[in-house]
């Protein structure tokens, strides 16, 4: 049965209320399930931006693995104010991932998101055809990520969205990501999308994901 609160996932007031009491909630799965895909992509001295961080333990797990230059972003000021006091070892910034106005351009080595884009698009009726607002929100998010990344920076998305729906947007102008798709999980498969700024996508390798949208 569909979660009745799902239609509120894109609303700031929903998360402000939820984060007043929520301590930990892990969307999809935790780092242990995909660390073999993520950790080889990042270096200990990288500046990492975790967008839509919520109460996930992902940043804390990365910190425990020696990655100490981490900025966590969420659009809930309730979450950011609370986490800043409880976990001052990391940076916490209240910002909207559709703009990332508080993150300087070309300042980040790695951007990571885990299911935050799905939450943003939770009101969409169909993944095959996004509404004008949904498409604008998605493309704005990708443009913001592209802007804050350094040249040759990496964007890693942990997602349950099938590549047939996701890849066509990842290779759009003006960001036009190079993209590699990997799967993980046992009873249910999730996807790890790896993008690198400044590299032209190999449309031949991605053809199977693009064909159904033509």
Protein backbone atom coordinates (compact mmCIF):
# COMPACT_ATOMS: atom_id res chain seq x y z
CA UNK A 1 0.00 0.00 0.00
CA UNK A 2 1.28 3.45 -0.90
CA UNK A 3 2.45 5.58 2.02
CA UNK A 4 -0.26 8.19 2.55
CA UNK A 5 2.37 10.77 3.53
CA UNK A 6 4.25 10.33 0.27
CA UNK A 7 2.52 13.27 -1.39
CA UNK A 8 4.04 15.50 1.34
CA UNK A 9 7.64 14.42 0.78
CA UNK A 10 8.34 17.48 -1.37
CA UNK A 11 6.96 19.90 1.25
CA UNK A 12 9.26 21.67 3.68
CA UNK A 13 6.64 21.86 6.47
CA UNK A 14 6.28 18.07 6.43
CA UNK A 15 10.00 17.58 7.07
CA UNK A 16 10.21 20.37 9.67
CA UNK A 17 7.51 18.61 11.69
CA UNK A 18 9.00 15.16 11.16
CA UNK A 19 12.56 16.17 12.09
CA UNK A 20 11.47 17.58 15.45
CA UNK A 21 11.38 14.03 16.80
CA UNK A 22 13.03 11.80 14.20
CA UNK A 23 16.57 10.77 15.12
CA UNK A 24 17.54 8.34 12.34
CA UNK A 25 15.83 7.19 9.18
CA UNK A 26 17.70 5.44 6.38
CA UNK A 27 16.15 5.71 2.94
CA UNK A 28 16.69 2.71 0.66
CA UNK A 29 19.66 1.19 2.51
CA UNK A 30 22.77 2.14 4.44
CA UNK A 31 26.37 2.55 3.31
CA UNK A 32 27.25 -1.08 4.01
CA UNK A 33 25.20 -2.12 0.99
CA UNK A 34 26.95 0.10 -1.54
CA UNK A 35 30.30 1.08 -0.04
CA UNK A 36 32.04 -1.12 -2.64
CA UNK A 37 30.61 1.21 -5.30
CA UNK A 38 30.99 4.53 -3.50
CA UNK A 39 34.27 4.45 -1.58
CA UNK A 40 36.52 3.84 -4.63
CA UNK A 41 35.08 7.04 -6.15
CA UNK A 42 36.12 9.38 -3.32
CA UNK A 43 39.40 10.36 -1.68
CA UNK A 44 40.07 11.24 1.95
CA UNK A 45 40.86 14.87 1.15
CA UNK A 46 37.76 15.41 -1.01
CA UNK A 47 35.24 18.07 -0.05
CA UNK A 48 31.97 16.12 -0.02
CA UNK A 49 28.49 17.63 -0.29
CA UNK A 50 25.62 15.40 0.88
CA UNK A 51 22.37 16.94 -0.39
CA UNK A 52 18.99 16.08 1.08
CA UNK A 53 20.82 14.56 4.03
CA UNK A 54 17.85 14.29 6.40
CA UNK A 55 18.53 11.96 9.34
CA UNK A 56 20.46 9.44 7.24
CA UNK A 57 23.61 8.01 8.80
CA UNK A 58 25.47 8.13 5.48
CA UNK A 59 27.60 11.18 6.32
CA UNK A 60 28.35 9.82 9.79
CA UNK A 61 29.47 6.51 8.30
CA UNK A 62 31.68 8.33 5.79
CA UNK A 63 33.15 10.42 8.61
CA UNK A 64 33.92 7.23 10.49
CA UNK A 65 35.76 5.99 7.39
CA UNK A 66 38.08 9.02 7.48
CA UNK A 67 36.22 11.42 5.17
CA UNK A 68 36.13 14.51 7.39
CA UNK A 69 35.46 17.37 4.96
CA UNK A 70 31.69 16.89 4.68
CA UNK A 71 28.94 19.47 4.18
CA UNK A 72 25.39 18.26 4.81
CA UNK A 73 22.55 20.12 3.11
CA UNK A 74 18.83 19.94 3.79
CA UNK A 75 16.05 22.45 3.22
CA UNK A 76 14.65 21.90 6.72
CA UNK A 77 16.02 24.49 9.11
CA UNK A 78 14.69 22.33 11.95
CA UNK A 79 16.99 19.48 10.92
CA UNK A 80 20.01 21.70 10.25
CA UNK A 81 19.73 23.56 13.58
CA UNK A 82 19.37 20.29 15.49
CA UNK A 83 22.18 18.46 13.69
CA UNK A 84 24.57 21.42 13.96
CA UNK A 85 24.37 21.23 17.75
CA UNK A 86 24.52 17.44 17.99
CA UNK A 87 27.23 16.83 15.36
CA UNK A 88 29.54 19.87 15.12
CA UNK A 89 32.29 17.71 13.64
CA UNK A 90 30.59 18.21 10.26
CA UNK A 91 29.16 21.26 8.50
CA UNK A 92 25.39 21.68 8.18
CA UNK A 93 23.82 24.11 5.69
CA UNK A 94 20.15 24.91 5.18
CA UNK A 95 19.65 25.12 1.43
CA UNK A 96 17.41 23.96 -1.39
CA UNK A 97 19.07 21.42 -3.66
CA UNK A 98 17.29 22.98 -6.63
CA UNK A 99 19.56 26.03 -6.30
CA UNK A 100 22.28 25.37 -3.66
CA UNK A 101 22.53 29.14 -3.28
CA UNK A 102 24.66 28.84 -0.13
CA UNK A 103 27.31 26.67 -1.78
CA UNK A 104 29.98 28.51 -3.83
CA UNK A 105 30.49 27.56 -7.46
CA UNK A 106 33.24 25.03 -8.25
CA UNK A 107 33.95 24.39 -4.56
CA UNK A 108 32.97 20.72 -4.20
CA UNK A 109 34.81 17.55 -5.23
CA UNK A 110 31.95 15.08 -4.74
CA UNK A 111 28.18 15.52 -4.49
CA UNK A 112 26.21 12.60 -3.05
CA UNK A 113 22.45 12.17 -2.89
CA UNK A 114 20.43 9.18 -1.73
CA UNK A 115 16.72 9.13 -2.62
CA UNK A 116 16.35 12.89 -2.05
CA UNK A 117 15.50 13.44 -5.72
CA UNK A 118 12.78 10.78 -5.50
CA UNK A 119 11.35 12.62 -2.49
CA UNK A 120 11.35 15.88 -4.43
CA UNK A 121 9.44 14.21 -7.28
CA UNK A 122 7.04 12.24 -5.09
CA UNK A 123 3.99 14.13 -6.35
CA UNK A 124 4.62 13.14 -9.96
CA UNK A 125 1.91 10.89 -11.40
CA UNK A 126 4.17 9.16 -13.91
CA UNK A 127 7.91 8.71 -14.28
CA UNK A 128 7.41 8.37 -18.02
CA UNK A 129 6.16 11.94 -18.35
CA UNK A 130 7.12 14.44 -15.69
CA UNK A 131 4.98 17.50 -15.14
CA UNK A 132 6.45 20.86 -16.13
CA UNK A 133 7.18 21.59 -12.47
CA UNK A 134 8.74 18.17 -11.91
CA UNK A 135 10.99 18.51 -14.93
CA UNK A 136 11.99 22.05 -13.94
CA UNK A 137 12.80 20.92 -10.38
CA UNK A 138 14.86 17.99 -11.61
CA UNK A 139 16.82 19.96 -14.19
CA UNK A 140 17.39 22.82 -11.73
CA UNK A 141 18.81 20.33 -9.23
CA UNK A 142 21.20 18.87 -11.78
CA UNK A 143 22.29 22.35 -12.89
CA UNK A 144 22.92 23.40 -9.28
CA UNK A 145 25.01 20.27 -8.68
CA UNK A 146 26.97 20.90 -11.87
CA UNK A 147 27.63 24.50 -10.81
CA UNK A 148 29.04 23.70 -7.36
CA UNK A 149 31.30 20.89 -8.57
CA UNK A 150 34.92 21.57 -9.35
CA UNK A 151 36.17 20.74 -12.85
CA UNK A 152 36.28 16.94 -13.08
CA UNK A 153 34.13 16.73 -9.92
CA UNK A 154 31.95 13.70 -9.28
CA UNK A 155 28.22 13.33 -8.68
CA UNK A 156 26.96 10.06 -7.19
CA UNK A 157 23.27 9.28 -6.92
CA UNK A 158 21.92 6.31 -4.96
CA UNK A 159 18.45 5.67 -6.27
CA UNK A 160 15.59 3.26 -6.85
CA UNK A 161 14.65 5.02 -10.10
CA UNK A 162 15.14 2.84 -13.17
CA UNK A 163 17.80 4.08 -15.61
CA UNK A 164 15.21 4.31 -18.40
CA UNK A 165 13.69 7.23 -16.51
CA UNK A 166 16.84 8.77 -15.04
CA UNK A 167 19.57 8.59 -17.68
CA UNK A 168 17.75 10.70 -20.35
CA UNK A 169 17.75 13.65 -17.94
CA UNK A 170 21.35 13.10 -16.84
CA UNK A 171 22.69 13.48 -20.38
CA UNK A 172 20.70 16.64 -21.17
CA UNK A 173 22.26 20.02 -21.85
CA UNK A 174 23.61 22.15 -20.27
CA UNK A 175 25.17 19.81 -17.67
CA UNK A 176 25.19 16.70 -19.91
CA UNK A 177 26.77 14.26 -17.48
CA UNK A 178 28.96 11.35 -18.37
CA UNK A 179 27.11 8.51 -16.65
CA UNK A 180 27.83 5.00 -15.43
CA UNK A 181 25.04 2.84 -14.00
CA UNK A 182 25.67 0.05 -11.49
CA UNK A 183 23.19 -2.05 -9.52
CA UNK A 184 23.33 -3.45 -6.00
CA UNK A 185 21.06 -5.19 -3.53
CA UNK A 186 19.69 -8.70 -3.17
CA UNK A 187 15.93 -9.01 -2.75
CA UNK A 188 15.46 -5.59 -4.35
CA UNK A 189 17.87 -3.91 -6.74
CA UNK A 190 18.91 -0.30 -6.32
CA UNK A 191 21.03 1.80 -8.65
CA UNK A 192 24.26 3.70 -8.21
CA UNK A 193 24.64 6.43 -10.83
CA UNK A 194 28.17 7.81 -11.20
CA UNK A 195 28.69 11.05 -13.08
CA UNK A 196 31.78 13.15 -13.73
CA UNK A 197 31.78 16.81 -14.68
CA UNK A 198 33.43 17.77 -17.93
CA UNK A 199 33.25 14.37 -19.60
CA UNK A 200 31.04 13.78 -22.62
CA UNK A 201 28.54 10.95 -22.13
CA UNK A 202 29.11 7.79 -24.13
CA UNK A 203 25.71 7.57 -25.81
CA UNK A 204 26.55 4.19 -27.32
CA UNK A 205 27.00 2.64 -23.88
CA UNK A 206 23.82 4.34 -22.67
CA UNK A 207 21.76 3.57 -25.76
CA UNK A 208 19.59 0.91 -24.08
CA UNK A 209 18.43 3.45 -21.50
CA UNK A 210 17.80 6.19 -24.07
CA UNK A 211 16.02 4.15 -26.72
CA UNK A 212 12.64 3.92 -24.97
CA UNK A 213 12.37 7.71 -24.66
CA UNK A 214 12.98 8.50 -28.31
